[in-house]
N, C-alpha and C. Protein backbone atom coordinates (compact mmCIF):
# COMPACT_ATOMS: atom_id res chain seq x y z
N UNK A 1 -0.48 32.76 9.09
CA UNK A 1 -1.47 32.47 8.13
C UNK A 1 -1.73 31.05 8.26
N UNK A 2 -3.04 30.58 8.16
CA UNK A 2 -3.27 29.44 8.12
C UNK A 2 -3.31 28.63 6.71
N UNK A 3 -2.85 27.22 6.48
CA UNK A 3 -2.83 26.63 5.56
C UNK A 3 -3.94 25.84 5.23
N UNK A 4 -4.58 25.96 4.06
CA UNK A 4 -5.75 25.35 3.90
C UNK A 4 -5.55 24.40 2.47
N UNK A 5 -6.32 23.17 2.69
CA UNK A 5 -5.71 22.06 1.68
C UNK A 5 -6.97 22.22 0.78
N UNK A 6 -6.75 22.16 -0.69
CA UNK A 6 -7.40 22.61 -1.59
C UNK A 6 -7.81 21.43 -2.28
N UNK A 7 -6.92 20.16 -2.01
CA UNK A 7 -7.27 19.06 -2.94
C UNK A 7 -6.31 17.96 -2.30
N UNK A 8 -6.90 16.83 -2.62
CA UNK A 8 -6.06 15.35 -2.07
C UNK A 8 -6.21 14.67 -2.86
N UNK A 9 -4.83 14.22 -3.68
CA UNK A 9 -4.53 13.18 -5.01
C UNK A 9 -4.47 12.17 -4.11
N UNK A 10 -5.27 11.20 -4.49
CA UNK A 10 -5.27 9.20 -4.90
C UNK A 10 -4.59 8.86 -5.83
N UNK A 11 -3.70 8.25 -5.76
CA UNK A 11 -2.71 7.69 -7.03
C UNK A 11 -3.26 6.38 -7.39
N UNK A 12 -4.09 6.31 -8.11
CA UNK A 12 -4.55 4.93 -8.34
C UNK A 12 -3.50 4.17 -9.45
N UNK A 13 -3.14 3.19 -9.31
CA UNK A 13 -2.43 2.31 -10.18
C UNK A 13 -1.36 2.61 -10.03
N UNK A 14 -0.48 3.09 -9.09
CA UNK A 14 0.68 3.65 -9.48
C UNK A 14 1.20 4.25 -10.22
N UNK A 15 0.78 5.47 -10.44
CA UNK A 15 1.25 6.41 -11.91
C UNK A 15 2.20 7.51 -11.31
N UNK A 16 1.69 7.60 -9.95
CA UNK A 16 2.96 8.87 -9.37
C UNK A 16 3.80 8.06 -8.56
N UNK A 17 3.83 6.88 -7.71
CA UNK A 17 4.27 6.16 -6.78
C UNK A 17 3.86 4.97 -6.75
N UNK A 18 4.82 3.82 -6.60
CA UNK A 18 4.83 2.56 -6.53
C UNK A 18 3.88 2.21 -5.22
N UNK A 19 3.03 1.23 -5.24
CA UNK A 19 2.13 0.85 -4.12
C UNK A 19 2.72 0.40 -3.39
N UNK A 20 2.22 0.36 -2.25
CA UNK A 20 2.94 -0.32 -0.77
C UNK A 20 1.79 -1.01 0.04
N UNK A 21 1.93 -2.37 -0.11
CA UNK A 21 1.21 -2.98 0.77
C UNK A 21 1.08 -2.50 2.04
N UNK A 22 0.23 -2.65 2.83
CA UNK A 22 0.22 -2.24 4.48
C UNK A 22 -0.78 -2.55 5.00
N UNK A 23 -1.01 -3.18 6.37
CA UNK A 23 -1.44 -3.59 7.07
C UNK A 23 -2.63 -2.92 7.25
N UNK A 24 -3.95 -2.96 7.50
CA UNK A 24 -4.95 -2.11 7.99
C UNK A 24 -4.99 -1.26 8.84
N UNK A 25 -4.35 -1.57 10.32
CA UNK A 25 -3.80 -0.85 11.23
C UNK A 25 -3.32 0.48 10.81
N UNK A 26 -2.29 0.03 9.89
CA UNK A 26 -1.50 1.30 9.55
C UNK A 26 -2.34 2.14 8.64
N UNK A 27 -3.16 1.40 7.60
CA UNK A 27 -4.10 2.18 6.74
C UNK A 27 -4.80 3.12 7.57
N UNK A 28 -5.21 2.58 8.61
CA UNK A 28 -5.98 3.75 9.60
C UNK A 28 -5.63 4.52 10.10
N UNK A 29 -4.22 4.43 10.38
CA UNK A 29 -3.24 5.60 10.72
C UNK A 29 -2.97 6.56 9.60
N UNK A 30 -2.67 6.41 8.94
CA UNK A 30 -2.61 7.31 7.93
C UNK A 30 -3.85 8.11 7.21
N UNK A 31 -5.25 7.21 7.20
CA UNK A 31 -6.22 8.12 7.33
C UNK A 31 -6.57 8.92 8.44
N UNK A 32 -6.00 8.79 9.24
CA UNK A 32 -6.55 9.78 10.66
C UNK A 32 -5.45 10.67 10.07
N UNK A 33 -4.45 10.75 10.22
CA UNK A 33 -3.34 11.51 9.88
C UNK A 33 -4.19 12.47 8.73
N UNK A 34 -4.73 11.99 7.98
CA UNK A 34 -5.23 12.93 6.47
C UNK A 34 -6.20 13.59 6.69
N UNK A 35 -7.18 12.91 7.62
CA UNK A 35 -8.01 13.49 8.18
C UNK A 35 -8.04 14.80 9.00
N UNK A 36 -7.30 14.74 10.03
CA UNK A 36 -6.63 15.41 10.76
C UNK A 36 -6.29 17.19 10.17
N UNK A 37 -5.42 16.56 9.04
CA UNK A 37 -5.02 17.94 8.04
C UNK A 37 -6.09 18.55 7.43
N UNK A 38 -7.48 17.67 6.97
CA UNK A 38 -8.51 18.19 6.51
C UNK A 38 -9.54 18.89 7.14
N UNK A 39 -9.07 18.07 8.72
CA UNK A 39 -10.20 19.01 9.66
C UNK A 39 -11.32 18.04 9.58
N UNK A 40 -11.53 16.88 9.21
CA UNK A 40 -12.38 15.70 9.24
C UNK A 40 -12.80 15.36 10.75
N UNK A 41 -14.08 15.01 11.17
CA UNK A 41 -14.29 14.27 12.52
C UNK A 41 -14.66 12.88 12.12
N UNK A 42 -14.77 12.36 10.97
CA UNK A 42 -15.43 11.15 10.67
C UNK A 42 -14.19 10.03 11.17
N UNK A 43 -14.80 8.78 11.44
CA UNK A 43 -14.32 7.70 11.81
C UNK A 43 -13.15 7.28 11.06
N UNK A 44 -11.71 7.03 11.58
CA UNK A 44 -10.54 6.82 10.19
C UNK A 44 -10.68 5.13 9.88
N UNK A 45 -11.35 4.70 10.60
CA UNK A 45 -12.04 3.34 10.06
C UNK A 45 -12.83 3.09 8.91
N UNK A 46 -13.72 3.78 9.49
CA UNK A 46 -14.89 3.96 8.23
C UNK A 46 -14.36 4.35 6.95
N UNK A 47 -13.47 5.36 7.37
CA UNK A 47 -12.96 6.48 5.98
C UNK A 47 -11.67 5.17 5.28
N UNK A 48 -11.24 4.35 5.95
CA UNK A 48 -10.44 3.22 5.56
C UNK A 48 -10.96 2.53 4.87
N UNK A 49 -12.15 1.83 5.29
CA UNK A 49 -12.89 0.80 4.65
C UNK A 49 -13.81 1.53 3.33
N UNK A 50 -14.13 2.66 3.43
CA UNK A 50 -14.66 3.50 2.17
C UNK A 50 -13.43 3.19 1.00
N UNK A 51 -12.50 3.83 1.62
CA UNK A 51 -11.02 3.74 0.43
C UNK A 51 -10.84 2.73 -0.08
N UNK A 52 -10.79 1.47 0.74
CA UNK A 52 -10.52 0.46 0.39
C UNK A 52 -11.33 -0.49 -0.75
N UNK A 53 -12.92 -0.09 0.10
CA UNK A 53 -13.96 -0.79 -1.35
C UNK A 53 -13.82 0.21 -2.74
N UNK A 54 -13.89 1.33 -2.38
CA UNK A 54 -13.53 2.33 -3.51
C UNK A 54 -12.21 1.51 -4.51
N UNK A 55 -11.15 1.72 -3.81
CA UNK A 55 -10.03 0.82 -4.49
C UNK A 55 -10.50 -0.28 -5.48
N UNK A 56 -10.98 -1.30 -4.43
CA UNK A 56 -11.27 -2.59 -5.34
C UNK A 56 -12.16 -2.33 -6.57
N UNK A 57 -13.15 -1.58 -5.96
CA UNK A 57 -14.04 -1.59 -7.45
C UNK A 57 -13.48 -0.83 -8.59
N UNK A 58 -12.52 0.47 -8.35
CA UNK A 58 -11.54 1.17 -9.37
C UNK A 58 -11.07 -0.09 -10.18
N UNK A 59 -10.08 -1.10 -9.30
CA UNK A 59 -9.05 -2.06 -9.70
C UNK A 59 -10.07 -2.99 -10.75
N UNK A 60 -11.38 -3.45 -10.34
CA UNK A 60 -12.19 -4.36 -11.15
C UNK A 60 -12.42 -3.60 -11.94
N UNK A 61 -13.14 -2.16 -12.44
CA UNK A 61 -13.33 -1.64 -13.42
C UNK A 61 -12.44 -1.65 -14.53
N UNK A 62 -10.91 -0.75 -13.53
CA UNK A 62 -9.76 -0.97 -14.75
C UNK A 62 -9.62 -1.88 -15.54
N UNK A 63 -9.62 -3.38 -14.91
CA UNK A 63 -8.81 -4.42 -15.79
C UNK A 63 -10.17 -4.86 -16.58
N UNK A 64 -11.46 -4.51 -16.20
CA UNK A 64 -12.59 -4.79 -17.38
C UNK A 64 -12.64 -3.61 -18.89
N UNK A 65 -11.94 -2.95 -18.39
CA UNK A 65 -11.77 -1.60 -19.46
C UNK A 65 -10.68 -1.07 -20.02
N UNK A 66 -9.96 -2.35 -19.64
CA UNK A 66 -8.34 -2.23 -20.55
C UNK A 66 -7.81 -2.85 -21.73
């Protein structure tokens, strides 16, 4: 029986796990693995840039609203 992914959880701010600094190329490889599991055909570098941009935007918002 195939397994299906119902959700992907992104831990913002280290609530569940301490954040790890990674090189961009390593982030791309991790995103590629996530995309393969989810069946996504999007470019892993584009996805990594998108996540990085959104994480930075969230961090700015969180600092302003804390």
